[in-house]
Amino acid sequence: TKKKYYLDNVQIYGKENIVPYVPIIKLYNYGVSKGYSFFPLSGKSNTVTVLCNEGGFWANYKSDRYGFNNNDDFWNKSKDVYLIGDSFVHGSCVKSKHNIANQLKNLTNKNFLNLGMGDTGFLAQFAIFKEYIDGKNKKIIWFFFEGNDLSNTAKETKNPILKKYFTDINFYQDIRSYNKI
């Protein structure tokens, strides 16, 4: 089970450096119960994140400084293309070297920054776009999965923080600051 894998690897990575993947909507709901007033847009930064086991192994990755499935040094390099989407882009259930960003990098020798996050819809993905992509004239590939992106978006429209990203062009959480806490 994921719990057993997590507990077995706590000794290797340490409790603070390994976490089971938790969908960001669950993190938000937890934050609301604790009185926080922001919406998390990624996982825990600089941490081994355990995703899932669909291929006979527990897929995991060490997150970057903002909690995404990238090598952290990618943030220091020029980015040729940004990828946005849900679990497919995030790299669920595959080894990190096999996620779509790394596959595209290997095929093209360009830098692809993975901003995918599982269990997200368009509002959360748009928020990620606004918070993490700097400047204009960037190349972005935004992935759509017919199987659940629309139902995830329907849930997200009930979230007051995510709605602000769509209704207020100037809304910004400065979420990068939260990842450094």
Protein backbone atom coordinates (compact mmCIF):
# COMPACT_ATOMS: atom_id res chain seq x y z
CA THR A 1 0.00 0.00 0.00
CA LYS A 2 1.02 3.62 -0.34
CA LYS A 3 1.04 3.93 3.45
CA LYS A 4 3.42 0.97 3.83
CA TYR A 5 5.71 2.31 1.07
CA TYR A 6 5.70 5.71 2.78
CA LEU A 7 6.45 4.26 6.23
CA ASP A 8 9.21 2.01 4.84
CA ASN A 9 10.89 4.99 3.16
CA VAL A 10 10.56 7.47 6.03
CA GLN A 11 13.72 5.88 7.44
CA ILE A 12 15.55 6.57 4.17
CA TYR A 13 14.31 10.07 3.40
CA GLY A 14 13.18 11.32 6.81
CA LYS A 15 9.63 12.28 7.74
CA GLU A 16 9.90 15.83 6.41
CA ASN A 17 11.42 14.75 3.10
CA ILE A 18 8.86 12.22 1.86
CA VAL A 19 5.12 12.72 1.50
CA PRO A 20 2.24 10.83 -0.10
CA TYR A 21 0.68 12.84 -2.92
CA VAL A 22 -2.39 14.75 -1.76
CA PRO A 23 -4.62 16.49 -4.33
CA ILE A 24 -4.46 20.26 -3.95
CA ILE A 25 -8.22 20.52 -3.34
CA LYS A 26 -7.73 18.34 -0.25
CA LEU A 27 -4.84 20.57 0.84
CA TYR A 28 -7.11 23.59 0.42
CA ASN A 29 -9.89 21.99 2.45
CA TYR A 30 -7.36 21.17 5.18
CA GLY A 31 -6.13 24.77 5.09
CA VAL A 32 -9.67 26.14 5.41
CA SER A 33 -10.23 23.95 8.48
CA LYS A 34 -7.03 25.45 9.96
CA GLY A 35 -8.04 29.03 9.09
CA TYR A 36 -5.66 29.59 6.14
CA SER A 37 -6.83 31.87 3.35
CA PHE A 38 -4.86 30.73 0.31
CA PHE A 39 -5.23 28.00 -2.28
CA PRO A 40 -2.15 25.74 -2.75
CA LEU A 41 -1.30 25.14 -6.40
CA SER A 42 1.37 22.47 -6.08
CA GLY A 43 2.80 19.88 -3.72
CA LYS A 44 5.38 20.26 -0.99
CA SER A 45 8.67 21.69 -2.25
CA ASN A 46 12.00 19.83 -2.25
CA THR A 47 10.36 16.62 -1.11
CA VAL A 48 10.03 13.06 -2.38
CA THR A 49 6.37 12.76 -3.38
CA VAL A 50 4.84 9.29 -3.65
CA LEU A 51 2.25 9.18 -6.44
CA CYS A 52 0.80 5.77 -7.27
CA ASN A 53 1.47 2.17 -8.22
CA GLU A 54 -0.10 1.10 -11.49
CA GLY A 55 2.93 -0.54 -13.07
CA GLY A 56 4.28 -2.68 -10.23
CA PHE A 57 6.36 0.11 -8.64
CA TRP A 58 5.60 3.19 -6.55
CA ALA A 59 6.05 6.17 -8.83
CA ASN A 60 7.65 9.06 -6.97
CA TYR A 61 9.71 12.16 -7.64
CA LYS A 62 11.69 14.78 -5.75
CA SER A 63 9.78 18.00 -6.19
CA ASP A 64 11.38 21.27 -7.19
CA ARG A 65 11.45 24.46 -5.09
CA TYR A 66 7.77 25.08 -5.89
CA GLY A 67 6.47 21.54 -5.45
CA PHE A 68 6.28 20.49 -9.12
CA ASN A 69 7.73 17.39 -10.80
CA ASN A 70 10.93 18.97 -12.14
CA ASN A 71 14.60 18.97 -11.32
CA ASP A 72 14.97 22.09 -9.22
CA ASP A 73 17.75 23.48 -11.43
CA PHE A 74 15.23 23.84 -14.29
CA TRP A 75 14.07 27.07 -12.61
CA ASN A 76 17.57 28.51 -13.08
CA LYS A 77 17.64 27.71 -16.82
CA SER A 78 15.85 29.34 -19.70
CA LYS A 79 12.56 27.63 -20.36
CA ASP A 80 11.67 26.84 -23.95
CA VAL A 81 8.19 25.45 -23.29
CA TYR A 82 5.87 25.31 -20.27
CA LEU A 83 3.55 22.34 -19.84
CA ILE A 84 0.26 22.71 -17.95
CA GLY A 85 -2.32 20.03 -17.24
CA ASP A 86 -3.46 17.44 -14.75
CA SER A 87 -2.09 14.01 -13.79
CA PHE A 88 -0.92 13.15 -17.32
CA VAL A 89 1.43 16.13 -17.34
CA HIS A 90 2.22 15.80 -13.63
CA GLY A 91 3.62 12.34 -14.32
CA SER A 92 1.31 10.18 -12.25
CA CYS A 93 2.23 6.52 -12.10
CA VAL A 94 5.38 6.80 -14.22
CA LYS A 95 9.02 7.18 -13.28
CA SER A 96 10.06 10.81 -13.35
CA LYS A 97 12.42 10.21 -16.28
CA HIS A 98 9.39 8.99 -18.26
CA ASN A 99 7.05 11.92 -17.60
CA ILE A 100 6.04 13.90 -20.66
CA ALA A 101 8.30 16.87 -19.91
CA ASN A 102 11.39 14.69 -19.71
CA GLN A 103 10.38 12.68 -22.78
CA LEU A 104 9.96 15.88 -24.81
CA LYS A 105 13.27 17.23 -23.51
CA ASN A 106 15.03 14.03 -24.60
CA LEU A 107 13.43 14.19 -28.07
CA THR A 108 14.03 17.88 -28.74
CA ASN A 109 16.89 18.91 -26.43
CA LYS A 110 14.77 21.87 -25.27
CA ASN A 111 13.87 22.76 -21.69
CA PHE A 112 10.29 21.82 -20.81
CA LEU A 113 9.05 23.00 -17.43
CA ASN A 114 6.41 20.71 -15.95
CA LEU A 115 3.64 22.67 -14.22
CA GLY A 116 1.19 19.77 -14.27
CA MET A 117 -0.68 18.88 -11.10
CA GLY A 118 -2.96 15.89 -10.70
CA ASP A 119 -6.68 16.27 -9.97
CA THR A 120 -6.85 19.81 -11.33
CA GLY A 121 -9.25 21.46 -13.74
CA PHE A 122 -9.02 24.62 -15.80
CA LEU A 123 -9.33 27.11 -12.93
CA ALA A 124 -6.46 25.61 -10.90
CA GLN A 125 -4.41 25.25 -14.08
CA PHE A 126 -5.11 28.88 -15.00
CA ALA A 127 -4.04 29.90 -11.50
CA ILE A 128 -0.79 27.94 -11.97
CA PHE A 129 -0.31 29.76 -15.28
CA LYS A 130 -0.76 33.17 -13.61
CA GLU A 131 1.44 32.39 -10.62
CA TYR A 132 4.36 30.53 -12.19
CA ILE A 133 4.83 31.72 -15.78
CA ASP A 134 6.69 35.01 -16.00
CA GLY A 135 6.63 37.39 -18.90
CA LYS A 136 5.01 37.41 -22.29
CA ASN A 137 5.50 35.48 -25.50
CA LYS A 138 6.08 32.15 -23.79
CA LYS A 139 5.47 28.83 -25.47
CA ILE A 140 2.88 26.89 -23.52
CA ILE A 141 1.32 23.51 -24.16
CA TRP A 142 -1.88 23.17 -22.18
CA PHE A 143 -3.18 19.61 -22.01
CA PHE A 144 -6.87 18.72 -21.79
CA PHE A 145 -8.18 15.36 -20.59
CA GLU A 146 -11.84 14.80 -21.47
CA GLY A 147 -12.19 12.15 -18.75
CA ASN A 148 -12.14 14.51 -15.75
CA ASP A 149 -10.95 18.05 -16.52
CA LEU A 150 -14.50 19.35 -16.92
CA SER A 151 -15.78 17.71 -13.72
CA ASN A 152 -12.72 19.00 -11.81
CA THR A 153 -13.40 22.47 -13.19
CA ALA A 154 -17.03 22.27 -12.07
CA LYS A 155 -15.83 21.59 -8.50
CA GLU A 156 -13.27 24.40 -8.75
CA THR A 157 -15.92 26.97 -9.73
CA LYS A 158 -17.26 26.62 -6.18
CA ASN A 159 -13.92 27.75 -4.74
CA PRO A 160 -13.86 31.51 -4.06
CA ILE A 161 -10.09 31.83 -4.42
CA LEU A 162 -9.87 29.99 -7.74
CA LYS A 163 -12.83 32.00 -9.10
CA LYS A 164 -10.90 35.22 -8.44
CA TYR A 165 -8.19 34.16 -10.89
CA PHE A 166 -10.83 34.15 -13.61
CA THR A 167 -12.94 37.14 -12.58
CA ASP A 168 -10.17 39.54 -11.46
CA ILE A 169 -7.35 39.99 -13.97
CA ASN A 170 -5.13 41.45 -11.21
CA PHE A 171 -5.74 38.70 -8.64
CA TYR A 172 -2.54 37.04 -7.53
CA GLN A 173 -1.73 35.05 -4.37
CA ASP A 174 2.05 35.35 -4.70
CA ILE A 175 1.94 31.62 -4.07
CA ARG A 176 5.68 31.23 -4.71
CA SER A 177 6.24 32.83 -1.30
CA TYR A 178 4.13 30.15 0.40
CA ASN A 179 6.25 27.37 -1.13
CA LYS A 180 9.29 28.76 0.67
CA ILE A 181 7.73 28.55 4.13
